[in-house]
Amino acid sequence: MSIPMKGLSKRGRYNHLTDSVEYKYFNGTAEISESTYKALCSGKPTVKPAKAVSTYKVKPKPPTVEQQRDAALKAAIKQMVSGG
């Protein structure tokens, strides 16, 4: 978010809940809060760099007893059908 620093008008808005005035800076198109303005003036990046997404490899689970039995049966049937 790049906001030109010149030509900003400061607008105060009274907040009755906190009994304080919240200031916003307005440049004609975008309105930013006072904390954002101060952060931009200080030169510190306001947007934190995105963390690298770590991908986890799922270890394949060993086949269950039923799956082993089914695989053995299929192999045996194939052998019988093919005449092995």
N, C-alpha and C. Protein backbone atom coordinates (compact mmCIF):
# COMPACT_ATOMS: atom_id res chain seq x y z
N MET A 1 0.85 -1.17 0.00
CA MET A 1 0.00 0.00 0.00
C MET A 1 0.89 1.23 0.00
N SER A 2 0.91 1.91 -1.10
CA SER A 2 1.74 3.11 -1.17
C SER A 2 0.83 4.33 -1.19
N ILE A 3 0.99 5.16 -0.20
CA ILE A 3 0.17 6.36 -0.09
C ILE A 3 1.09 7.57 -0.13
N PRO A 4 0.87 8.47 -1.08
CA PRO A 4 1.73 9.66 -1.12
C PRO A 4 1.54 10.48 0.13
N MET A 5 2.66 10.94 0.70
CA MET A 5 2.62 11.63 1.98
C MET A 5 2.19 13.09 1.84
N LYS A 6 2.35 13.67 0.67
CA LYS A 6 1.97 15.08 0.53
C LYS A 6 0.48 15.17 0.21
N GLY A 7 -0.11 16.26 0.63
CA GLY A 7 -1.52 16.48 0.34
C GLY A 7 -2.46 15.70 1.24
N LEU A 8 -1.97 15.27 2.40
CA LEU A 8 -2.85 14.55 3.31
C LEU A 8 -3.61 15.55 4.18
N SER A 9 -4.89 15.30 4.33
CA SER A 9 -5.65 16.12 5.26
C SER A 9 -5.98 15.27 6.48
N LYS A 10 -5.89 15.90 7.64
CA LYS A 10 -6.12 15.18 8.88
C LYS A 10 -7.55 15.41 9.31
N ARG A 11 -8.27 14.32 9.53
CA ARG A 11 -9.65 14.42 9.96
C ARG A 11 -9.78 13.81 11.35
N GLY A 12 -10.42 14.53 12.23
CA GLY A 12 -10.66 14.00 13.56
C GLY A 12 -12.09 13.52 13.68
N ARG A 13 -12.27 12.38 14.29
CA ARG A 13 -13.61 11.83 14.48
C ARG A 13 -13.76 11.48 15.95
N TYR A 14 -14.75 12.05 16.58
CA TYR A 14 -14.94 11.82 18.01
C TYR A 14 -15.56 10.45 18.24
N ASN A 15 -14.96 9.70 19.14
CA ASN A 15 -15.48 8.39 19.50
C ASN A 15 -16.08 8.51 20.89
N HIS A 16 -17.41 8.42 20.98
CA HIS A 16 -18.08 8.61 22.27
C HIS A 16 -17.87 7.43 23.21
N LEU A 17 -17.52 6.27 22.67
CA LEU A 17 -17.31 5.10 23.52
C LEU A 17 -16.05 5.24 24.35
N THR A 18 -14.98 5.71 23.72
CA THR A 18 -13.71 5.86 24.44
C THR A 18 -13.47 7.30 24.86
N ASP A 19 -14.39 8.20 24.53
CA ASP A 19 -14.27 9.62 24.86
C ASP A 19 -12.95 10.19 24.35
N SER A 20 -12.66 9.89 23.10
CA SER A 20 -11.42 10.39 22.50
C SER A 20 -11.66 10.70 21.03
N VAL A 21 -10.71 11.37 20.44
CA VAL A 21 -10.81 11.72 19.03
C VAL A 21 -9.86 10.83 18.25
N GLU A 22 -10.41 10.14 17.24
CA GLU A 22 -9.59 9.30 16.38
C GLU A 22 -9.25 10.10 15.13
N TYR A 23 -7.98 10.22 14.84
CA TYR A 23 -7.56 10.98 13.66
C TYR A 23 -7.32 10.04 12.50
N LYS A 24 -7.79 10.46 11.34
CA LYS A 24 -7.55 9.73 10.10
C LYS A 24 -6.90 10.68 9.12
N TYR A 25 -6.01 10.15 8.31
CA TYR A 25 -5.36 10.96 7.28
C TYR A 25 -5.98 10.59 5.94
N PHE A 26 -6.33 11.61 5.16
CA PHE A 26 -7.04 11.39 3.91
C PHE A 26 -6.31 12.11 2.79
N ASN A 27 -6.05 11.41 1.69
CA ASN A 27 -5.32 12.03 0.58
C ASN A 27 -6.20 12.21 -0.65
N GLY A 28 -7.50 12.13 -0.50
CA GLY A 28 -8.39 12.30 -1.64
C GLY A 28 -8.98 11.00 -2.11
N THR A 29 -8.24 9.92 -1.96
CA THR A 29 -8.77 8.63 -2.39
C THR A 29 -8.76 7.60 -1.27
N ALA A 30 -7.70 7.59 -0.47
CA ALA A 30 -7.59 6.57 0.57
C ALA A 30 -7.51 7.23 1.93
N GLU A 31 -8.09 6.56 2.91
CA GLU A 31 -8.06 7.06 4.27
C GLU A 31 -7.28 6.07 5.13
N ILE A 32 -6.31 6.58 5.87
CA ILE A 32 -5.51 5.69 6.72
C ILE A 32 -5.58 6.18 8.15
N SER A 33 -5.40 5.26 9.07
CA SER A 33 -5.46 5.62 10.49
C SER A 33 -4.15 6.29 10.90
N GLU A 34 -4.19 6.88 12.08
CA GLU A 34 -3.01 7.60 12.56
C GLU A 34 -1.85 6.65 12.81
N SER A 35 -2.17 5.45 13.33
CA SER A 35 -1.10 4.48 13.59
C SER A 35 -0.44 4.03 12.29
N THR A 36 -1.26 3.85 11.24
CA THR A 36 -0.70 3.48 9.94
C THR A 36 0.16 4.60 9.39
N TYR A 37 -0.31 5.83 9.57
CA TYR A 37 0.45 7.00 9.10
C TYR A 37 1.80 7.08 9.79
N LYS A 38 1.80 6.89 11.10
CA LYS A 38 3.06 6.95 11.85
C LYS A 38 4.00 5.83 11.42
N ALA A 39 3.44 4.65 11.17
CA ALA A 39 4.27 3.53 10.73
C ALA A 39 4.86 3.80 9.36
N LEU A 40 4.07 4.41 8.48
CA LEU A 40 4.57 4.74 7.14
C LEU A 40 5.64 5.82 7.22
N CYS A 41 5.45 6.79 8.12
CA CYS A 41 6.43 7.87 8.26
C CYS A 41 7.75 7.36 8.83
N SER A 42 7.66 6.35 9.71
CA SER A 42 8.89 5.85 10.34
C SER A 42 9.71 5.02 9.36
N GLY A 43 9.11 4.61 8.26
CA GLY A 43 9.86 3.88 7.24
C GLY A 43 9.90 2.38 7.47
N LYS A 44 9.27 1.92 8.51
CA LYS A 44 9.25 0.47 8.77
C LYS A 44 8.19 -0.17 7.88
N PRO A 45 8.46 -1.35 7.39
CA PRO A 45 7.44 -2.01 6.57
C PRO A 45 6.24 -2.39 7.44
N THR A 46 5.07 -2.03 6.97
CA THR A 46 3.87 -2.34 7.74
C THR A 46 3.37 -3.74 7.42
N VAL A 47 3.68 -4.23 6.24
CA VAL A 47 3.23 -5.56 5.85
C VAL A 47 4.33 -6.55 6.20
N LYS A 48 3.98 -7.50 7.02
CA LYS A 48 4.97 -8.51 7.39
C LYS A 48 5.15 -9.46 6.22
N PRO A 49 6.39 -9.90 5.98
CA PRO A 49 6.58 -10.87 4.89
C PRO A 49 5.86 -12.17 5.20
N ALA A 50 5.27 -12.72 4.19
CA ALA A 50 4.51 -13.95 4.38
C ALA A 50 5.45 -15.08 4.77
N LYS A 51 4.99 -15.87 5.69
CA LYS A 51 5.81 -17.01 6.12
C LYS A 51 5.80 -18.06 5.03
N ALA A 52 6.92 -18.74 4.91
CA ALA A 52 6.99 -19.81 3.92
C ALA A 52 6.07 -20.93 4.36
N VAL A 53 5.27 -21.39 3.44
CA VAL A 53 4.34 -22.46 3.77
C VAL A 53 5.11 -23.76 3.77
N SER A 54 5.07 -24.41 4.90
CA SER A 54 5.80 -25.69 4.98
C SER A 54 4.85 -26.81 4.62
N THR A 55 5.32 -27.66 3.73
CA THR A 55 4.50 -28.79 3.31
C THR A 55 5.00 -30.03 4.02
N TYR A 56 4.08 -30.80 4.49
CA TYR A 56 4.42 -32.03 5.19
C TYR A 56 4.11 -33.21 4.30
N LYS A 57 5.05 -34.11 4.22
CA LYS A 57 4.81 -35.32 3.45
C LYS A 57 4.16 -36.35 4.37
N VAL A 58 3.05 -36.87 3.91
CA VAL A 58 2.35 -37.87 4.70
C VAL A 58 2.98 -39.22 4.43
N LYS A 59 3.40 -39.85 5.51
CA LYS A 59 4.01 -41.17 5.34
C LYS A 59 2.92 -42.17 4.98
N PRO A 60 3.17 -43.00 3.97
CA PRO A 60 2.14 -43.99 3.62
C PRO A 60 1.98 -45.00 4.75
N LYS A 61 0.75 -45.26 5.09
CA LYS A 61 0.48 -46.22 6.15
C LYS A 61 0.67 -47.63 5.62
N PRO A 62 1.18 -48.53 6.45
CA PRO A 62 1.28 -49.92 6.00
C PRO A 62 -0.12 -50.48 5.76
N PRO A 63 -0.27 -51.34 4.76
CA PRO A 63 -1.60 -51.87 4.46
C PRO A 63 -2.15 -52.68 5.63
N THR A 64 -3.44 -52.58 5.82
CA THR A 64 -4.07 -53.31 6.91
C THR A 64 -4.14 -54.79 6.56
N VAL A 65 -4.53 -55.59 7.55
CA VAL A 65 -4.62 -57.04 7.33
C VAL A 65 -5.62 -57.34 6.22
N GLU A 66 -6.75 -56.60 6.23
CA GLU A 66 -7.77 -56.84 5.20
C GLU A 66 -7.24 -56.51 3.81
N GLN A 67 -6.50 -55.40 3.71
CA GLN A 67 -5.95 -55.03 2.40
C GLN A 67 -4.92 -56.05 1.94
N GLN A 68 -4.11 -56.54 2.87
CA GLN A 68 -3.12 -57.56 2.49
C GLN A 68 -3.83 -58.82 2.02
N ARG A 69 -4.91 -59.21 2.73
CA ARG A 69 -5.66 -60.41 2.36
C ARG A 69 -6.28 -60.24 0.98
N ASP A 70 -6.90 -59.06 0.76
CA ASP A 70 -7.53 -58.80 -0.53
C ASP A 70 -6.50 -58.85 -1.66
N ALA A 71 -5.34 -58.25 -1.43
CA ALA A 71 -4.30 -58.25 -2.45
C ALA A 71 -3.83 -59.67 -2.73
N ALA A 72 -3.68 -60.48 -1.68
CA ALA A 72 -3.24 -61.86 -1.86
C ALA A 72 -4.30 -62.66 -2.62
N LEU A 73 -5.58 -62.44 -2.29
CA LEU A 73 -6.66 -63.14 -2.99
C LEU A 73 -6.69 -62.75 -4.46
N LYS A 74 -6.55 -61.45 -4.75
CA LYS A 74 -6.55 -61.00 -6.14
C LYS A 74 -5.40 -61.62 -6.90
N ALA A 75 -4.23 -61.67 -6.28
CA ALA A 75 -3.07 -62.26 -6.94
C ALA A 75 -3.31 -63.74 -7.19
N ALA A 76 -3.91 -64.44 -6.22
CA ALA A 76 -4.17 -65.87 -6.37
C ALA A 76 -5.19 -66.11 -7.47
N ILE A 77 -6.24 -65.29 -7.52
CA ILE A 77 -7.27 -65.44 -8.56
C ILE A 77 -6.66 -65.18 -9.93
N LYS A 78 -5.80 -64.15 -10.03
CA LYS A 78 -5.15 -63.87 -11.32
C LYS A 78 -4.34 -65.07 -11.77
N GLN A 79 -3.62 -65.66 -10.84
CA GLN A 79 -2.79 -66.82 -11.19
C GLN A 79 -3.68 -67.97 -11.67
N MET A 80 -4.80 -68.21 -10.98
CA MET A 80 -5.69 -69.31 -11.36
C MET A 80 -6.31 -69.05 -12.73
N VAL A 81 -6.72 -67.81 -12.97
CA VAL A 81 -7.39 -67.48 -14.23
C VAL A 81 -6.40 -67.58 -15.39
N SER A 82 -5.19 -67.07 -15.17
CA SER A 82 -4.21 -67.09 -16.26
C SER A 82 -3.58 -68.46 -16.43
N GLY A 83 -3.86 -69.36 -15.51
CA GLY A 83 -3.34 -70.71 -15.64
C GLY A 83 -1.88 -70.80 -15.24
N GLY A 84 -1.47 -69.92 -14.32
CA GLY A 84 -0.09 -69.90 -13.91
C GLY A 84 0.16 -71.01 -12.98
